[in-house]
Amino acid sequence: MLENLRAAWRSLSANKLRSFLTMLGVIIGVGAVVCLISLGQGAGAMITSQIRALGSNLIMIASAGRPPLLAEDAEDLVERMPELVRAMPMVSRTVTVKWGRETWETTVQGVTPDLPAIRDFYPLVGRFVQQTDIQARRRVAVVGQTVVDELFGGKLPLGETILLQGQAFTVVGIMERKGEAMGTDQDDVIFIPLTTAQRLLGTKRVNLIYAQVSDDADPSAVVQRITAIFAAKHRRSDTVRVFSQEQLLQTVAEATRTLTIMLAGIAAVSLLVGGIGIMNIMLVSITERTREIGIRKAVGARRNQLLQQFLVESSLLSVMGGVIGITAGWAGSRVVAQIGGWPTALSVQAAALAFGFAVLVGIFFGVYPAWKAANLDPIRALRYE
């Protein structure tokens, strides 16, 4: 085997450019598999972390039309379902906020004091909305970090007065930085008391109800029961859309898995093309070395030895291409991540799978040329010019 490796290396080194061009298909295939799967898994991990950042054990209830979703529905769910720790109705709308001469378009959310515990989202400075604010419909506001940066220029705005829909609100708190979730900047928000928001926006409806499930409850069963409660209340099964955080995570995992398989399949085509290139160049190499093969057979080389020699040569091509491809794929995923802001996660399993497939391609497409070399007639091979 060692002698076969030396012979294969001498043969490939004698035609460096041709050998590199032959490996190029394998390099591109392996590199594409590693790069695309790394980007796909990185994106999946990012989306998963963003969904988890919404809170813990969450169930989201959204109105599907008529009849409207009301704040009383959240209280009713908590009373009827011991599996729910708490539930928070929320009304939301995009408005323009004004401070002095500065303006900024942001999302105003009318919430209750339960939001920090449900969303795991707490004030960094000051306080959050309190129950007394809800009861008195006070015009107080808690602002996110993006609003602080864009509207106040990064200055601490506690006690400042801002205008929402022409009404004055006092800033009583600043939220900690939360980051993005599902493509939405969670820091670009202003929280105000729910009752104040309903009066400000002229509605009794709520857009969404966040419910937090106890740790020992089954989220899927809770989703089914909530759906049944609203169906019985409104005598319709399509009045609300109920989905849990776990369902979102499962959907993302399935989508990521499907995308990864598709990307790997597309990239694997390049490996097949590279394998055909290896077969082609091995056939050319055998034609060029016909007299060498004849001499080897004349001095006693057996068929299995010649078969092994050329299989080692084709395998060496695919192994070298696989190693370079893994390096190129990892580097490519890092470059794309830096330029496009995409996260990346190098998958050892994907790299090992791509490398193993590349080796199998080299062996598979090297079998026929090696068999052809092993079965040459030594007399005709020696006469070959």
Protein backbone atom coordinates (compact mmCIF):
# COMPACT_ATOMS: atom_id res chain seq x y z
CA MET A 1 0.00 0.00 0.00
CA LEU A 2 2.83 2.39 0.84
CA GLU A 3 4.43 1.78 -2.54
CA ASN A 4 1.06 2.34 -4.24
CA LEU A 5 0.71 5.67 -2.44
CA ARG A 6 4.18 6.73 -3.55
CA ALA A 7 3.43 5.73 -7.14
CA ALA A 8 0.10 7.57 -7.06
CA TRP A 9 1.74 10.71 -5.65
CA ARG A 10 4.46 10.62 -8.34
CA SER A 11 1.82 10.22 -11.05
CA LEU A 12 -0.30 13.11 -9.75
CA SER A 13 2.74 15.33 -9.14
CA ALA A 14 3.89 14.81 -12.72
CA ASN A 15 0.71 16.57 -13.94
CA LYS A 16 -0.02 19.11 -11.20
CA LEU A 17 -2.43 21.33 -13.14
CA ARG A 18 -4.37 18.41 -14.55
CA SER A 19 -4.61 16.81 -11.12
CA PHE A 20 -5.84 20.07 -9.55
CA LEU A 21 -8.48 20.59 -12.25
CA THR A 22 -9.62 17.00 -11.71
CA MET A 23 -9.95 17.60 -7.97
CA LEU A 24 -11.82 20.86 -8.54
CA GLY A 25 -15.21 19.17 -8.88
CA VAL A 26 -14.70 17.35 -5.58
CA ILE A 27 -13.42 20.55 -3.92
CA ILE A 28 -16.47 22.52 -5.06
CA GLY A 29 -18.87 19.75 -4.05
CA VAL A 30 -17.43 19.20 -0.56
CA GLY A 31 -16.96 22.93 -0.01
CA ALA A 32 -20.56 23.65 -1.04
CA VAL A 33 -21.92 20.95 1.29
CA VAL A 34 -19.91 22.21 4.27
CA CYS A 35 -20.60 25.89 3.57
CA LEU A 36 -24.34 25.58 2.93
CA ILE A 37 -25.02 23.20 5.81
CA SER A 38 -22.99 25.37 8.19
CA LEU A 39 -24.97 28.45 7.17
CA GLY A 40 -28.27 26.55 7.34
CA GLN A 41 -27.59 25.19 10.81
CA GLY A 42 -26.30 28.55 11.98
CA ALA A 43 -29.48 30.27 10.79
CA GLY A 44 -31.59 27.58 12.43
CA ALA A 45 -29.74 28.02 15.73
CA MET A 46 -30.21 31.79 15.54
CA ILE A 47 -33.98 31.51 14.92
CA THR A 48 -34.29 28.96 17.74
CA SER A 49 -32.49 31.27 20.17
CA GLN A 50 -34.74 34.16 19.10
CA ILE A 51 -37.89 32.10 19.72
CA ARG A 52 -36.58 31.08 23.14
CA ALA A 53 -35.81 34.73 23.83
CA LEU A 54 -39.55 35.49 23.63
CA GLY A 55 -39.92 33.90 27.05
CA SER A 56 -40.34 30.45 28.55
CA ASN A 57 -43.27 28.00 28.30
CA LEU A 58 -45.21 30.51 26.20
CA ILE A 59 -48.53 30.03 24.44
CA MET A 60 -49.72 32.76 22.10
CA ILE A 61 -53.41 33.33 21.36
CA ALA A 62 -54.23 35.58 18.42
CA SER A 63 -57.59 36.70 17.12
CA ALA A 64 -58.65 35.14 13.82
CA GLY A 65 -61.34 37.73 13.10
CA ARG A 66 -64.75 37.93 14.74
CA PRO A 67 -65.66 37.95 17.56
CA PRO A 68 -62.76 40.08 18.85
CA LEU A 69 -60.26 39.01 21.47
CA LEU A 70 -60.78 40.87 24.76
CA ALA A 71 -58.72 41.45 27.91
CA GLU A 72 -61.37 39.56 29.89
CA ASP A 73 -60.54 36.43 27.90
CA ALA A 74 -57.09 36.30 29.54
CA GLU A 75 -58.61 36.48 33.05
CA ASP A 76 -61.14 33.80 32.13
CA LEU A 77 -58.40 31.43 30.90
CA VAL A 78 -56.39 31.77 34.12
CA GLU A 79 -59.50 31.07 36.22
CA ARG A 80 -60.53 28.01 34.21
CA MET A 81 -57.10 26.48 33.60
CA PRO A 82 -54.81 25.68 36.54
CA GLU A 83 -52.09 24.78 34.00
CA LEU A 84 -51.64 28.49 33.25
CA VAL A 85 -49.39 30.43 35.63
CA ARG A 86 -50.45 33.79 34.20
CA ALA A 87 -51.90 35.36 31.06
CA MET A 88 -51.35 38.83 29.65
CA PRO A 89 -53.53 40.60 27.05
CA MET A 90 -51.72 43.00 24.73
CA VAL A 91 -52.80 45.66 22.27
CA SER A 92 -50.21 46.91 19.79
CA ARG A 93 -49.92 49.53 17.09
CA THR A 94 -47.21 51.45 15.24
CA VAL A 95 -47.23 55.16 16.11
CA THR A 96 -44.95 58.17 15.83
CA VAL A 97 -43.50 59.30 19.14
CA LYS A 98 -42.24 62.85 19.64
CA TRP A 99 -39.75 64.28 22.15
CA GLY A 100 -38.93 67.96 21.71
CA ARG A 101 -38.06 68.31 18.04
CA GLU A 102 -37.18 64.63 17.63
CA THR A 103 -39.60 62.06 16.23
CA TRP A 104 -39.40 58.29 15.84
CA GLU A 105 -41.80 55.69 14.49
CA THR A 106 -42.05 52.76 16.86
CA THR A 107 -44.40 50.13 18.24
CA VAL A 108 -46.56 51.00 21.24
CA GLN A 109 -47.79 48.03 23.25
CA GLY A 110 -50.45 48.22 25.91
CA VAL A 111 -49.55 45.60 28.51
CA THR A 112 -50.01 44.55 32.13
CA PRO A 113 -47.45 44.11 34.94
CA ASP A 114 -47.15 40.40 34.01
CA LEU A 115 -45.06 41.09 30.88
CA PRO A 116 -41.57 40.97 32.49
CA ALA A 117 -42.23 37.55 34.04
CA ILE A 118 -43.91 36.12 30.93
CA ARG A 119 -41.43 37.49 28.40
CA ASP A 120 -38.35 37.37 30.65
CA PHE A 121 -37.92 41.04 29.78
CA TYR A 122 -37.18 43.39 32.70
CA PRO A 123 -36.51 47.11 33.21
CA LEU A 124 -32.87 48.09 33.40
CA VAL A 125 -33.55 51.48 34.95
CA GLY A 126 -36.70 52.73 36.67
CA ARG A 127 -39.84 50.62 36.92
CA PHE A 128 -42.35 48.79 34.78
CA VAL A 129 -46.10 49.29 34.39
CA GLN A 130 -47.91 48.66 37.70
CA GLN A 131 -51.44 47.58 38.55
CA THR A 132 -52.25 51.06 39.85
CA ASP A 133 -51.30 52.44 36.43
CA ILE A 134 -53.80 50.06 34.84
CA GLN A 135 -56.59 51.01 37.24
CA ALA A 136 -55.99 54.77 37.00
CA ARG A 137 -55.22 54.72 33.26
CA ARG A 138 -52.07 56.69 33.89
CA ARG A 139 -50.06 58.02 30.97
CA VAL A 140 -46.72 56.45 31.85
CA ALA A 141 -44.29 54.80 29.41
CA VAL A 142 -41.43 52.33 29.58
CA VAL A 143 -39.11 52.59 26.57
CA GLY A 144 -36.85 50.09 24.82
CA GLN A 145 -33.15 50.57 24.12
CA THR A 146 -33.65 51.31 20.41
CA VAL A 147 -36.06 54.13 21.27
CA VAL A 148 -33.49 55.49 23.75
CA ASP A 149 -30.81 55.46 21.05
CA GLU A 150 -32.90 56.88 18.20
CA LEU A 151 -35.18 59.35 19.99
CA PHE A 152 -33.08 60.48 22.95
CA GLY A 153 -29.62 60.05 21.39
CA GLY A 154 -28.62 57.54 24.04
CA LYS A 155 -29.37 59.93 26.93
CA LEU A 156 -31.16 58.63 30.04
CA PRO A 157 -34.80 59.74 29.51
CA LEU A 158 -36.26 58.95 32.95
CA GLY A 159 -38.81 61.60 33.86
CA GLU A 160 -38.90 63.01 30.32
CA THR A 161 -42.24 63.74 28.63
CA ILE A 162 -42.99 62.23 25.23
CA LEU A 163 -45.98 62.66 22.96
CA LEU A 164 -47.97 59.69 21.69
CA GLN A 165 -50.88 60.52 19.40
CA GLY A 166 -50.62 64.08 20.75
CA GLN A 167 -50.94 62.97 24.40
CA ALA A 168 -48.18 63.49 26.95
CA PHE A 169 -46.62 60.41 28.62
CA THR A 170 -43.96 60.36 31.34
CA VAL A 171 -41.05 57.94 30.91
CA VAL A 172 -40.81 55.88 34.11
CA GLY A 173 -38.55 53.05 32.98
CA ILE A 174 -36.01 51.83 30.44
CA MET A 175 -35.97 48.17 29.39
CA GLU A 176 -32.88 46.00 29.20
CA ARG A 177 -31.58 45.20 25.73
CA LYS A 178 -33.41 42.17 24.29
CA GLY A 179 -32.29 41.96 20.66
CA GLU A 180 -34.17 40.65 17.63
CA ALA A 181 -36.72 37.86 17.52
CA MET A 182 -38.36 36.54 14.35
CA GLY A 183 -37.01 39.49 12.36
CA THR A 184 -38.44 42.06 14.80
CA ASP A 185 -36.40 44.42 16.95
CA GLN A 186 -37.74 43.78 20.46
CA ASP A 187 -36.01 46.93 21.73
CA ASP A 188 -37.90 49.21 19.34
CA VAL A 189 -40.96 49.42 21.57
CA ILE A 190 -42.75 51.57 24.13
CA PHE A 191 -44.82 49.85 26.82
CA ILE A 192 -47.80 51.66 28.34
CA PRO A 193 -50.67 50.46 30.58
CA LEU A 194 -53.21 48.32 28.73
CA THR A 195 -56.23 50.46 29.66
CA THR A 196 -54.38 53.63 28.66
CA ALA A 197 -53.46 52.07 25.30
CA GLN A 198 -57.07 51.04 24.63
CA ARG A 199 -58.27 54.58 25.28
CA LEU A 200 -55.39 56.06 23.24
CA LEU A 201 -56.04 53.79 20.28
CA GLY A 202 -59.83 53.86 20.60
CA THR A 203 -60.42 50.12 20.93
CA LYS A 204 -61.52 47.53 23.48
CA ARG A 205 -59.88 44.70 21.58
CA VAL A 206 -56.50 43.13 22.21
CA ASN A 207 -54.21 41.81 19.48
CA LEU A 208 -52.68 38.95 21.40
CA ILE A 209 -52.76 37.06 24.67
CA TYR A 210 -49.50 35.67 26.06
CA ALA A 211 -50.08 32.73 28.40
CA GLN A 212 -47.37 31.08 30.49
CA VAL A 213 -47.71 27.36 31.11
CA SER A 214 -46.50 25.66 34.28
CA ASP A 215 -43.39 23.52 33.95
CA ASP A 216 -45.22 20.23 34.55
CA ALA A 217 -47.97 20.87 31.99
CA ASP A 218 -48.03 19.56 28.42
CA PRO A 219 -48.05 22.59 26.05
CA SER A 220 -49.77 20.62 23.26
CA ALA A 221 -52.61 19.57 25.56
CA VAL A 222 -52.95 23.14 26.84
CA VAL A 223 -53.17 24.45 23.25
CA GLN A 224 -55.97 21.96 22.48
CA ARG A 225 -57.89 22.90 25.63
CA ILE A 226 -57.62 26.65 24.96
CA THR A 227 -58.87 26.09 21.42
CA ALA A 228 -61.79 24.07 22.78
CA ILE A 229 -62.66 26.78 25.34
CA PHE A 230 -62.87 29.49 22.67
CA ALA A 231 -64.77 27.18 20.30
CA ALA A 232 -67.36 26.50 23.01
CA LYS A 233 -67.57 30.19 23.98
CA HIS A 234 -68.13 31.47 20.44
CA ARG A 235 -69.67 28.29 18.98
CA ARG A 236 -67.05 28.40 16.24
CA SER A 237 -63.74 26.58 15.93
CA ASP A 238 -61.91 29.29 13.97
CA THR A 239 -62.19 32.35 16.20
CA VAL A 240 -58.60 32.22 17.50
CA ARG A 241 -55.21 30.89 16.47
CA VAL A 242 -53.38 29.19 19.32
CA PHE A 243 -49.78 28.07 19.08
CA SER A 244 -47.10 27.24 21.61
CA GLN A 245 -43.44 28.12 21.75
CA GLU A 246 -42.60 24.41 21.42
CA GLN A 247 -44.62 24.19 18.20
CA LEU A 248 -42.67 27.12 16.76
CA LEU A 249 -39.40 25.45 17.72
CA GLN A 250 -40.48 22.16 16.12
CA THR A 251 -41.54 23.97 12.95
CA VAL A 252 -38.19 25.75 12.74
CA ALA A 253 -36.33 22.47 13.34
CA GLU A 254 -38.28 20.69 10.60
CA ALA A 255 -37.81 23.58 8.16
CA THR A 256 -34.09 23.71 8.91
CA ARG A 257 -33.76 19.96 8.46
CA THR A 258 -35.61 20.05 5.12
CA LEU A 259 -33.55 23.01 3.91
CA THR A 260 -30.32 21.30 4.96
CA ILE A 261 -31.23 18.12 3.06
CA MET A 262 -32.12 20.14 -0.05
CA LEU A 263 -28.88 22.13 0.09
CA ALA A 264 -26.83 18.98 0.65
CA GLY A 265 -28.56 17.28 -2.28
CA ILE A 266 -27.84 20.19 -4.60
CA ALA A 267 -24.21 20.31 -3.50
CA ALA A 268 -23.87 16.53 -3.89
CA VAL A 269 -24.44 16.94 -7.64
CA SER A 270 -21.08 18.73 -7.79
CA LEU A 271 -19.49 15.70 -6.14
CA LEU A 272 -20.95 13.43 -8.81
CA VAL A 273 -19.62 15.74 -11.51
CA GLY A 274 -16.25 15.64 -9.77
CA GLY A 275 -16.40 11.84 -9.74
CA ILE A 276 -17.02 11.77 -13.48
CA GLY A 277 -14.01 14.04 -13.90
CA ILE A 278 -11.89 11.59 -11.87
CA MET A 279 -13.03 8.68 -14.05
CA ASN A 280 -12.25 10.66 -17.19
CA ILE A 281 -8.75 11.62 -16.11
CA MET A 282 -7.99 8.09 -14.88
CA LEU A 283 -8.95 6.69 -18.28
CA VAL A 284 -6.65 9.23 -19.92
CA SER A 285 -3.88 8.31 -17.46
CA ILE A 286 -4.25 4.59 -18.25
CA THR A 287 -4.02 5.31 -21.98
CA GLU A 288 -0.84 7.35 -21.42
CA ARG A 289 0.70 4.62 -19.23
CA THR A 290 -0.22 1.60 -21.29
CA ARG A 291 3.44 0.59 -21.87
CA GLU A 292 4.15 1.00 -18.13
CA ILE A 293 1.25 -1.33 -17.34
CA GLY A 294 2.55 -3.85 -19.90
CA ILE A 295 6.01 -3.80 -18.30
CA ARG A 296 4.56 -4.30 -14.84
CA LYS A 297 2.53 -7.28 -16.00
CA ALA A 298 5.51 -8.71 -17.90
CA VAL A 299 7.67 -8.72 -14.75
CA GLY A 300 4.97 -10.42 -12.67
CA ALA A 301 2.45 -7.82 -11.48
CA ARG A 302 -0.87 -9.49 -10.74
CA ARG A 303 -4.30 -8.11 -11.68
CA ASN A 304 -5.27 -7.28 -8.10
CA GLN A 305 -2.02 -5.32 -7.64
CA LEU A 306 -2.71 -3.17 -10.72
CA LEU A 307 -6.33 -2.78 -9.64
CA GLN A 308 -5.17 -1.61 -6.22
CA GLN A 309 -2.61 0.78 -7.70
CA PHE A 310 -5.12 2.74 -9.78
CA LEU A 311 -7.81 2.65 -7.10
CA VAL A 312 -5.32 4.21 -4.69
CA GLU A 313 -4.58 6.91 -7.25
CA SER A 314 -8.26 7.81 -7.78
CA SER A 315 -8.90 7.67 -4.03
CA LEU A 316 -5.94 9.97 -3.38
CA LEU A 317 -7.44 12.50 -5.78
CA SER A 318 -10.79 12.46 -3.95
CA VAL A 319 -9.19 12.53 -0.47
CA MET A 320 -7.06 15.55 -1.33
CA GLY A 321 -10.06 17.25 -2.93
CA GLY A 322 -12.15 16.48 0.18
CA VAL A 323 -9.60 17.98 2.57
CA ILE A 324 -9.24 21.13 0.49
CA GLY A 325 -13.02 21.29 0.06
CA ILE A 326 -13.68 21.13 3.81
CA THR A 327 -11.19 23.96 4.39
CA ALA A 328 -12.67 26.02 1.55
CA GLY A 329 -16.24 25.39 2.74
CA TRP A 330 -15.46 26.46 6.29
CA ALA A 331 -13.66 29.58 5.05
CA GLY A 332 -16.52 30.35 2.65
CA SER A 333 -19.14 30.08 5.41
CA ARG A 334 -17.11 32.46 7.57
CA VAL A 335 -16.80 34.99 4.74
CA VAL A 336 -20.55 34.85 4.01
CA ALA A 337 -21.28 35.22 7.72
CA GLN A 338 -19.06 38.30 7.94
CA ILE A 339 -20.40 39.97 4.78
CA GLY A 340 -24.09 39.11 5.09
CA GLY A 341 -24.37 39.05 8.86
CA TRP A 342 -25.50 35.42 8.76
CA PRO A 343 -24.60 33.17 11.68
CA THR A 344 -22.67 30.00 10.92
CA ALA A 345 -22.16 26.76 12.80
CA LEU A 346 -19.55 24.36 11.44
CA SER A 347 -21.07 20.88 11.52
CA VAL A 348 -18.51 18.16 12.17
CA GLN A 349 -21.07 15.56 11.05
CA ALA A 350 -21.67 17.42 7.76
CA ALA A 351 -17.93 17.75 7.12
CA ALA A 352 -17.37 14.04 7.88
CA LEU A 353 -20.32 13.06 5.67
CA ALA A 354 -19.12 15.20 2.77
CA PHE A 355 -15.56 13.87 3.12
CA GLY A 356 -16.75 10.25 3.28
CA PHE A 357 -18.97 10.75 0.25
CA ALA A 358 -16.06 12.30 -1.65
CA VAL A 359 -13.88 9.24 -0.88
CA LEU A 360 -16.67 6.89 -1.98
CA VAL A 361 -17.07 8.88 -5.21
CA GLY A 362 -13.33 8.54 -5.86
CA ILE A 363 -13.43 4.79 -5.28
CA PHE A 364 -16.64 4.26 -7.25
CA PHE A 365 -15.55 6.20 -10.31
CA GLY A 366 -12.06 4.75 -10.09
CA VAL A 367 -13.19 1.12 -10.24
CA TYR A 368 -13.79 0.96 -13.99
CA PRO A 369 -10.48 2.60 -15.03
CA ALA A 370 -8.61 0.37 -12.53
CA TRP A 371 -10.40 -2.73 -13.85
CA LYS A 372 -9.58 -1.72 -17.41
CA ALA A 373 -5.89 -1.28 -16.51
CA ALA A 374 -5.77 -4.62 -14.68
CA ASN A 375 -7.22 -6.48 -17.69
CA LEU A 376 -4.90 -5.09 -20.38
CA ASP A 377 -3.12 -7.73 -22.49
CA PRO A 378 0.59 -7.33 -21.58
CA ILE A 379 1.78 -8.13 -25.16
CA ARG A 380 -0.50 -5.48 -26.69
CA ALA A 381 0.41 -3.07 -23.91
CA LEU A 382 4.14 -3.46 -24.64
CA ARG A 383 3.53 -2.83 -28.37
CA TYR A 384 1.44 0.30 -27.61
CA GLU A 385 2.97 3.54 -28.94
